[in-house]
Amino acid sequence: MEKTTKKIKKVAFFGDGMAKKGDEHYILALETAKLLAENGYIIVNGGGPGVMEAATLGAKGAGGRVELVVLDPKKNPENYEGIGKENETLANTIYITENYQERMGKLIELADAYVIFKGGSGTLSEAGLVWEMAKFEYGHYEPLIFVGKEWEVVVKSIIDNMGFENIEKRVVTTVEKPEEVLKALTRVGS
């Protein structure tokens, strides 16, 4: 992953809204958020359960700050994971948006980097969008860090088989441990 001129302060967490407290990717998100918060990063997430809740609990366990971007509870679509109660209670700031696109836009506006954990189609949607934006903002981009052993083969396959340009390949990395996330952010951020 190439260096960016972007000052990295806020890190968005994307991942499985259905993850349970004992799941490997839930624990990985919790430990990563804790480590990042201990090192002064503000954690940003979509306010739901699963990986988002893990990010909040990890950050708050380290005395860190958390910002949530959620959909208006009166306008939740049927398949939306909703707002996690612990997330809502522990957050320092909550931004309420009208729809999924606005929610994504606000998450992107707030974040200076993205850590992406195992998840479903929503996670893939988020990753695809921020990956494309990183390409267009190359040099002053928000880095993407895919976290978890399953991502190495997925990201490699995407890069190898989808005809990506060289700059698209240089805005992402895959790691397995929280310490590697911190190292990647420190290495690429200004």
C-alpha atoms as a PDB file:
ATOM      1  CA  MET A   1       0.000   0.000   0.000  1.00  0.00           C
ATOM      2  CA  GLU A   2       1.353   3.410  -1.030  1.00  0.00           C
ATOM      3  CA  LYS A   3       1.744   6.422   1.237  1.00  0.00           C
ATOM      4  CA  THR A   4      -1.036   9.013   1.264  1.00  0.00           C
ATOM      5  CA  THR A   5      -0.914  12.712   2.079  1.00  0.00           C
ATOM      6  CA  LYS A   6      -4.180  12.215   3.996  1.00  0.00           C
ATOM      7  CA  LYS A   7      -3.876  12.806   7.749  1.00  0.00           C
ATOM      8  CA  ILE A   8      -5.501   9.731   9.255  1.00  0.00           C
ATOM      9  CA  LYS A   9      -7.481  10.430  12.408  1.00  0.00           C
ATOM     10  CA  LYS A  10     -10.873   8.739  11.922  1.00  0.00           C
ATOM     11  CA  VAL A  11     -11.073   5.094  10.904  1.00  0.00           C
ATOM     12  CA  ALA A  12     -14.315   3.530   9.648  1.00  0.00           C
ATOM     13  CA  PHE A  13     -15.088  -0.104  10.421  1.00  0.00           C
ATOM     14  CA  PHE A  14     -17.083  -2.114   7.863  1.00  0.00           C
ATOM     15  CA  GLY A  15     -18.198  -5.699   8.348  1.00  0.00           C
ATOM     16  CA  ASP A  16     -20.769  -8.305   9.282  1.00  0.00           C
ATOM     17  CA  GLY A  17     -23.787  -6.879  11.104  1.00  0.00           C
ATOM     18  CA  MET A  18     -24.732 -10.424  12.154  1.00  0.00           C
ATOM     19  CA  ALA A  19     -21.412 -11.312  13.840  1.00  0.00           C
ATOM     20  CA  LYS A  20     -21.763 -12.638  17.384  1.00  0.00           C
ATOM     21  CA  LYS A  21     -19.509 -11.898  20.348  1.00  0.00           C
ATOM     22  CA  GLY A  22     -17.700 -15.249  20.084  1.00  0.00           C
ATOM     23  CA  ASP A  23     -17.076 -15.049  16.321  1.00  0.00           C
ATOM     24  CA  GLU A  24     -13.471 -14.677  15.220  1.00  0.00           C
ATOM     25  CA  HIS A  25     -14.152 -11.563  13.107  1.00  0.00           C
ATOM     26  CA  TYR A  26     -16.140  -9.931  15.962  1.00  0.00           C
ATOM     27  CA  ILE A  27     -13.194 -10.441  18.336  1.00  0.00           C
ATOM     28  CA  LEU A  28     -10.766  -9.230  15.677  1.00  0.00           C
ATOM     29  CA  ALA A  29     -12.789  -6.036  15.163  1.00  0.00           C
ATOM     30  CA  LEU A  30     -13.028  -5.452  18.928  1.00  0.00           C
ATOM     31  CA  GLU A  31      -9.276  -5.888  19.438  1.00  0.00           C
ATOM     32  CA  THR A  32      -8.444  -3.743  16.404  1.00  0.00           C
ATOM     33  CA  ALA A  33     -10.677  -0.884  17.553  1.00  0.00           C
ATOM     34  CA  LYS A  34      -9.205  -1.066  21.048  1.00  0.00           C
ATOM     35  CA  LEU A  35      -5.647  -0.856  19.725  1.00  0.00           C
ATOM     36  CA  LEU A  36      -6.474   1.993  17.339  1.00  0.00           C
ATOM     37  CA  ALA A  37      -8.276   3.939  20.088  1.00  0.00           C
ATOM     38  CA  GLU A  38      -5.287   3.444  22.401  1.00  0.00           C
ATOM     39  CA  ASN A  39      -3.229   5.098  19.675  1.00  0.00           C
ATOM     40  CA  GLY A  40      -5.494   8.123  19.304  1.00  0.00           C
ATOM     41  CA  TYR A  41      -7.708   7.125  16.388  1.00  0.00           C
ATOM     42  CA  ILE A  42     -11.438   7.899  16.430  1.00  0.00           C
ATOM     43  CA  ILE A  43     -13.597   4.925  15.448  1.00  0.00           C
ATOM     44  CA  VAL A  44     -16.478   5.451  13.003  1.00  0.00           C
ATOM     45  CA  ASN A  45     -19.120   2.848  12.155  1.00  0.00           C
ATOM     46  CA  GLY A  46     -22.674   2.334  10.927  1.00  0.00           C
ATOM     47  CA  GLY A  47     -24.161   1.955  14.413  1.00  0.00           C
ATOM     48  CA  GLY A  48     -25.471  -1.560  14.067  1.00  0.00           C
ATOM     49  CA  PRO A  49     -24.746  -4.822  15.847  1.00  0.00           C
ATOM     50  CA  GLY A  50     -21.986  -7.272  14.908  1.00  0.00           C
ATOM     51  CA  VAL A  51     -18.666  -5.839  13.741  1.00  0.00           C
ATOM     52  CA  MET A  52     -19.980  -2.295  14.284  1.00  0.00           C
ATOM     53  CA  GLU A  53     -20.822  -3.054  17.922  1.00  0.00           C
ATOM     54  CA  ALA A  54     -17.430  -4.745  18.361  1.00  0.00           C
ATOM     55  CA  ALA A  55     -15.697  -1.616  17.039  1.00  0.00           C
ATOM     56  CA  THR A  56     -17.571   0.578  19.506  1.00  0.00           C
ATOM     57  CA  LEU A  57     -16.952  -1.714  22.477  1.00  0.00           C
ATOM     58  CA  GLY A  58     -13.258  -2.009  21.634  1.00  0.00           C
ATOM     59  CA  ALA A  59     -12.775   1.732  21.274  1.00  0.00           C
ATOM     60  CA  LYS A  60     -14.733   2.578  24.420  1.00  0.00           C
ATOM     61  CA  GLY A  61     -12.870  -0.140  26.351  1.00  0.00           C
ATOM     62  CA  ALA A  62      -9.712   1.821  25.601  1.00  0.00           C
ATOM     63  CA  GLY A  63     -11.282   5.168  26.509  1.00  0.00           C
ATOM     64  CA  GLY A  64     -11.555   6.198  22.862  1.00  0.00           C
ATOM     65  CA  ARG A  65     -14.095   8.190  20.854  1.00  0.00           C
ATOM     66  CA  VAL A  66     -16.779   6.670  18.639  1.00  0.00           C
ATOM     67  CA  GLU A  67     -18.910   8.302  15.952  1.00  0.00           C
ATOM     68  CA  LEU A  68     -21.927   6.511  14.459  1.00  0.00           C
ATOM     69  CA  VAL A  69     -23.767   7.068  11.205  1.00  0.00           C
ATOM     70  CA  VAL A  70     -27.242   5.525  11.302  1.00  0.00           C
ATOM     71  CA  LEU A  71     -30.477   5.524   9.364  1.00  0.00           C
ATOM     72  CA  ASP A  72     -33.418   7.417  10.802  1.00  0.00           C
ATOM     73  CA  PRO A  73     -35.147   4.777  13.003  1.00  0.00           C
ATOM     74  CA  LYS A  74     -38.531   5.822  11.581  1.00  0.00           C
ATOM     75  CA  LYS A  75     -37.355   5.023   8.045  1.00  0.00           C
ATOM     76  CA  ASN A  76     -35.490   1.730   8.492  1.00  0.00           C
ATOM     77  CA  PRO A  77     -35.736  -0.550   5.462  1.00  0.00           C
ATOM     78  CA  GLU A  78     -36.921  -4.079   6.160  1.00  0.00           C
ATOM     79  CA  ASN A  79     -33.488  -5.752   5.906  1.00  0.00           C
ATOM     80  CA  TYR A  80     -31.498  -3.042   7.730  1.00  0.00           C
ATOM     81  CA  GLU A  81     -29.637  -4.341  10.776  1.00  0.00           C
ATOM     82  CA  GLY A  82     -30.820  -1.383  12.845  1.00  0.00           C
ATOM     83  CA  ILE A  83     -29.035   0.509  15.577  1.00  0.00           C
ATOM     84  CA  GLY A  84     -27.325  -1.578  18.235  1.00  0.00           C
ATOM     85  CA  LYS A  85     -28.403  -0.464  21.713  1.00  0.00           C
ATOM     86  CA  GLU A  86     -24.863  -0.669  23.131  1.00  0.00           C
ATOM     87  CA  ASN A  87     -23.572   1.230  20.137  1.00  0.00           C
ATOM     88  CA  GLU A  88     -26.135   3.977  20.591  1.00  0.00           C
ATOM     89  CA  THR A  89     -25.516   4.256  24.345  1.00  0.00           C
ATOM     90  CA  LEU A  90     -21.717   4.410  24.086  1.00  0.00           C
ATOM     91  CA  ALA A  91     -21.289   6.686  21.058  1.00  0.00           C
ATOM     92  CA  ASN A  92     -19.847  10.166  21.451  1.00  0.00           C
ATOM     93  CA  THR A  93     -21.594  11.424  18.320  1.00  0.00           C
ATOM     94  CA  ILE A  94     -24.484  10.021  16.267  1.00  0.00           C
ATOM     95  CA  TYR A  95     -25.300  11.242  12.769  1.00  0.00           C
ATOM     96  CA  ILE A  96     -28.806  10.359  11.533  1.00  0.00           C
ATOM     97  CA  THR A  97     -29.307   9.906   7.799  1.00  0.00           C
ATOM     98  CA  GLU A  98     -32.371   9.389   5.607  1.00  0.00           C
ATOM     99  CA  ASN A  99     -31.309   6.394   3.496  1.00  0.00           C
ATOM    100  CA  TYR A 100     -28.525   3.900   2.774  1.00  0.00           C
ATOM    101  CA  GLN A 101     -26.824   6.138   0.201  1.00  0.00           C
ATOM    102  CA  GLU A 102     -26.754   9.089   2.584  1.00  0.00           C
ATOM    103  CA  ARG A 103     -25.439   6.831   5.350  1.00  0.00           C
ATOM    104  CA  MET A 104     -22.607   5.645   3.102  1.00  0.00           C
ATOM    105  CA  GLY A 105     -21.872   9.199   2.018  1.00  0.00           C
ATOM    106  CA  LYS A 106     -21.545  10.360   5.625  1.00  0.00           C
ATOM    107  CA  LEU A 107     -19.344   7.397   6.591  1.00  0.00           C
ATOM    108  CA  ILE A 108     -17.088   8.217   3.655  1.00  0.00           C
ATOM    109  CA  GLU A 109     -17.067  11.928   4.503  1.00  0.00           C
ATOM    110  CA  LEU A 110     -16.008  11.243   8.094  1.00  0.00           C
ATOM    111  CA  ALA A 111     -13.400   8.522   7.558  1.00  0.00           C
ATOM    112  CA  ASP A 112      -9.746   8.977   6.725  1.00  0.00           C
ATOM    113  CA  ALA A 113      -9.183   5.206   6.369  1.00  0.00           C
ATOM    114  CA  TYR A 114     -11.255   2.034   6.255  1.00  0.00           C
ATOM    115  CA  VAL A 115     -10.794  -1.317   7.946  1.00  0.00           C
ATOM    116  CA  ILE A 116     -12.931  -4.026   6.412  1.00  0.00           C
ATOM    117  CA  PHE A 117     -13.814  -7.267   8.161  1.00  0.00           C
ATOM    118  CA  LYS A 118     -15.654 -10.367   6.994  1.00  0.00           C
ATOM    119  CA  GLY A 119     -19.210  -9.520   5.953  1.00  0.00           C
ATOM    120  CA  GLY A 120     -21.936  -9.853   3.344  1.00  0.00           C
ATOM    121  CA  SER A 121     -23.164  -7.872   0.366  1.00  0.00           C
ATOM    122  CA  GLY A 122     -23.333  -4.614   2.367  1.00  0.00           C
ATOM    123  CA  THR A 123     -19.656  -4.988   3.263  1.00  0.00           C
ATOM    124  CA  LEU A 124     -18.782  -5.698  -0.375  1.00  0.00           C
ATOM    125  CA  SER A 125     -20.775  -2.652  -1.451  1.00  0.00           C
ATOM    126  CA  GLU A 126     -18.940  -0.444   1.026  1.00  0.00           C
ATOM    127  CA  ALA A 127     -15.540  -1.868   0.083  1.00  0.00           C
ATOM    128  CA  GLY A 128     -16.171  -1.469  -3.646  1.00  0.00           C
ATOM    129  CA  LEU A 129     -17.257   2.140  -3.302  1.00  0.00           C
ATOM    130  CA  VAL A 130     -14.354   3.265  -1.125  1.00  0.00           C
ATOM    131  CA  TRP A 131     -11.875   1.321  -3.247  1.00  0.00           C
ATOM    132  CA  GLU A 132     -13.037   3.195  -6.360  1.00  0.00           C
ATOM    133  CA  MET A 133     -12.881   6.518  -4.519  1.00  0.00           C
ATOM    134  CA  ALA A 134      -9.339   5.749  -3.339  1.00  0.00           C
ATOM    135  CA  LYS A 135      -8.356   5.264  -6.980  1.00  0.00           C
ATOM    136  CA  PHE A 136      -9.749   8.680  -7.953  1.00  0.00           C
ATOM    137  CA  GLU A 137      -8.088  10.356  -4.967  1.00  0.00           C
ATOM    138  CA  TYR A 138      -4.789   8.530  -5.413  1.00  0.00           C
ATOM    139  CA  GLY A 139      -2.004  10.327  -3.580  1.00  0.00           C
ATOM    140  CA  HIS A 140      -4.457  11.913  -1.129  1.00  0.00           C
ATOM    141  CA  TYR A 141      -6.601   8.819  -0.719  1.00  0.00           C
ATOM    142  CA  GLU A 142      -8.201   7.024   2.232  1.00  0.00           C
ATOM    143  CA  PRO A 143      -6.490   3.614   2.525  1.00  0.00           C
ATOM    144  CA  LEU A 144      -8.397   0.323   2.694  1.00  0.00           C
ATOM    145  CA  ILE A 145      -7.181  -2.375   5.041  1.00  0.00           C
ATOM    146  CA  PHE A 146      -8.898  -5.739   4.683  1.00  0.00           C
ATOM    147  CA  VAL A 147      -8.617  -7.562   8.013  1.00  0.00           C
ATOM    148  CA  GLY A 148      -8.805 -11.340   8.406  1.00  0.00           C
ATOM    149  CA  LYS A 149      -7.216 -14.334   6.737  1.00  0.00           C
ATOM    150  CA  GLU A 150     -10.171 -14.843   4.348  1.00  0.00           C
ATOM    151  CA  TRP A 151      -9.512 -11.491   2.664  1.00  0.00           C
ATOM    152  CA  GLU A 152      -6.058 -12.345   1.289  1.00  0.00           C
ATOM    153  CA  VAL A 153      -7.401 -14.777  -1.303  1.00  0.00           C
ATOM    154  CA  VAL A 154     -10.470 -12.618  -2.058  1.00  0.00           C
ATOM    155  CA  VAL A 155      -8.531  -9.389  -2.631  1.00  0.00           C
ATOM    156  CA  LYS A 156      -5.799 -11.181  -4.596  1.00  0.00           C
ATOM    157  CA  SER A 157      -8.428 -12.814  -6.811  1.00  0.00           C
ATOM    158  CA  ILE A 158     -10.170  -9.494  -7.447  1.00  0.00           C
ATOM    159  CA  ILE A 159      -6.901  -7.764  -8.326  1.00  0.00           C
ATOM    160  CA  ASP A 160      -5.639 -10.639 -10.491  1.00  0.00           C
ATOM    161  CA  ASN A 161      -8.873 -11.302 -12.379  1.00  0.00           C
ATOM    162  CA  MET A 162     -10.670  -7.995 -12.788  1.00  0.00           C
ATOM    163  CA  GLY A 163      -8.206  -5.941 -14.831  1.00  0.00           C
ATOM    164  CA  PHE A 164      -7.383  -3.407 -12.125  1.00  0.00           C
ATOM    165  CA  GLU A 165      -5.044  -0.523 -12.884  1.00  0.00           C
ATOM    166  CA  ASN A 166      -1.794  -0.329 -10.927  1.00  0.00           C
ATOM    167  CA  ILE A 167      -2.989   2.546  -8.749  1.00  0.00           C
ATOM    168  CA  GLU A 168      -6.064   0.523  -7.722  1.00  0.00           C
ATOM    169  CA  LYS A 169      -3.728  -2.191  -6.465  1.00  0.00           C
ATOM    170  CA  ARG A 170      -1.675   0.241  -4.389  1.00  0.00           C
ATOM    171  CA  VAL A 171      -4.457   1.675  -2.197  1.00  0.00           C
ATOM    172  CA  VAL A 172      -5.264  -1.591  -0.377  1.00  0.00           C
ATOM    173  CA  THR A 173      -3.607  -4.163   1.805  1.00  0.00           C
ATOM    174  CA  THR A 174      -4.634  -7.314   3.602  1.00  0.00           C
ATOM    175  CA  VAL A 175      -3.632  -8.125   7.171  1.00  0.00           C
ATOM    176  CA  GLU A 176      -4.595 -10.655   9.833  1.00  0.00           C
ATOM    177  CA  LYS A 177      -3.872  -8.982  13.175  1.00  0.00           C
ATOM    178  CA  PRO A 178      -4.752  -5.706  14.930  1.00  0.00           C
ATOM    179  CA  GLU A 179      -1.063  -4.809  15.220  1.00  0.00           C
ATOM    180  CA  GLU A 180      -0.750  -5.078  11.447  1.00  0.00           C
ATOM    181  CA  VAL A 181      -3.676  -2.659  11.007  1.00  0.00           C
ATOM    182  CA  LEU A 182      -1.951  -0.105  13.241  1.00  0.00           C
ATOM    183  CA  LYS A 183       1.352  -0.614  11.438  1.00  0.00           C
ATOM    184  CA  ALA A 184      -0.296  -0.139   8.025  1.00  0.00           C
ATOM    185  CA  LEU A 185      -2.052   3.071   9.125  1.00  0.00           C
ATOM    186  CA  THR A 186       1.147   4.439  10.633  1.00  0.00           C
ATOM    187  CA  ARG A 187       3.173   3.531   7.532  1.00  0.00           C
ATOM    188  CA  VAL A 188       0.850   5.102   4.945  1.00  0.00           C
ATOM    189  CA  GLY A 189      -0.674   8.045   6.830  1.00  0.00           C
ATOM    190  CA  SER A 190       0.870  11.442   7.330  1.00  0.00           C
END
